[in-house]
Amino acid sequence: MKVSISYPPLESSKGIALLSQNRQFQWFNNPTYIYPVIPAFAATLLKEKGYDLFWDDGIAEEKTYRQWLERIIAEKPDLIALETKTPAVEMHWKIVDELKEKLPESKVVLLGDHVTAFPKESLERSKVDFVIASGDYDFMLLSLAEHLSKGNALEGGVWYRKDGEIVSSGESDLSKHDLDTLPMIDRELTKWKNYAFKNGNFKFTPGAYMMSGRDCWWGRCAFCSWTTFFPGKNFRTRSAEKALDEVGHLIELGVKEIMEDSGSLPIGKWLEDFCNGMIERGYNEKVVMSCNMRISGIKDPEVWRLMKKAGFRFILFGLESANQETLDRIQKNLKVEEIEPGLRMCKEAGLEPHITTMIGYPWETKAMAQKTIDMAKDLFKKGYVDTLQGTILIPYPGTPLYKECEENDLLLTKEYSRFDQREMVMKSPLTSQDAKELVQSLYKSFVTPKFILKKILSIRTFDDAKYIWVAGWKVLGHLMDFGKEEEKPTSV
């Protein structure tokens, strides 16, 4: 049985689709390709169990849609798995229907946060055969393949048609899946080099992604699409030992920087064991580590210093807003007064903090949004932050924020293609143009002569110079991303 894990090219005047391993879909003028870790586990697991696996990322391979379509028709997979997200799901429905027309014997399955939230919808609006309403695509795709090829019972979390009715195999139970039983990802099978260079997070290339936790040990933020299938109460990790083995394997492949992309890096004993293992094995001298972390997650400066010694460099923090009302309403579990000390502690350990911020909360006025911009400027001025990302807030289906919007009539549209962070889709004191200008202001907040001079003076190696050059182009790309109104995505 041949199984493909596919990412069809999505052709749009808005740019390149940032779809895989991403919690918030965007179109990028300056493309970034993020290695999809969980589908990569799925590919490896299926191959290990004897299935013929075809890794098919037409986006990262920079193919046209027609080139991709011709290739998959020639491959004739028995099962085609497509990851989707809200802004892309309508395009994927059309692709599914074309696949079913061209390959009528093939089964197609959709997976991702949108279809986990609304599993019946895709079966009603397309010819898709199965929907996986669970985040553990690896275990779930294996269950589906075993069902189709051997007649095994399906795990809970799969939706399909039976006797003309849409039915499910029951509730998904993540607790059944022990992450330590997963094999080492086959990076060659999953064409890791396609994702190793065009990624603004990497200072040193080739770079790679890994993911030891699913997904965030807090896991309650009202806006985060991954809470749909990975709520914090279900947080699980691979052992620190397994994570270290993966780092060692990546070093053998020649990787220079690793992004540990758990929603929040596991802390406590796990983090201590991981860092000490990095030092004891000598990996801290061979590779640089980056990760996601909560601002209030580490309160002991010694832990930050241990991470620095272990080889960590870039730390991504979700700041989101400088208004306490907003932090409370989105269940961030963060106090405004914790922000500066938390970032300062990280920076003083020699690490490079990066913050993410959002504009367009339904209750935030322009003055409140400006407060976030002012805080970002102040953090840059004080040297506590190195880089940032600004986006327009989107209420993804399945999140508490989406539920609040539905209950309070806050949605301006339910046209999914518009949920792409290019415009406001919630009622707010801000217009879409206000939001775009404010996001641009966020990016411009650190582009000051003092900041630029400081960065130039920090250059010590060719990698430093290259990273700053690439980062500059990324900022220009983001400014274009939030420019004037673009045309809507073209159909495939």
Foldseek 3Di string as FASTA:
>chain_A
DEEEEAAAWFFFPLAGWAFAPDFAIAHFNQDAHAQRALVLLQQVLCVVVPHHYAYYYCRLVVHHRVVSVVVCLVVLGQEYEYEDFLLCVVLVQVVQQVCCVSRVNHAYEYEYLQCLLVVVVSVVRHVHFKYFNADNCNVQVVQVVCCVPPVDQHAFRMWGDDPNDIDTSHHHDLVVDAPQVGDQRPCVSNVQQSNQPSHLVDLDTREHEDEFKQADLCQAFQQGSSNLRRRNVNIDGHALVVVVVNLVVVLVVVHAEYEHEHQAPDDDPRLVVNLVSLVVVVVLVRHAYEYEHELPRDDDLVSLLSNVSSRYAEYEYEPAFLDPVVCVVRVVPDDNVSRLVSLQSNVVSVHAYEYEYEDDDAEDALVRLVRRLVVLLVCLVVPSHQYYAYFYGARGRSGNVVVVCVVVVFAQDSNSSVRRRQADGGHHNDGRLSRLVSRLSSLVSNPDPVNVVVLVVPDDDPSSVVSVVVVVVSSVRSNVSRDDDDDGTDRD
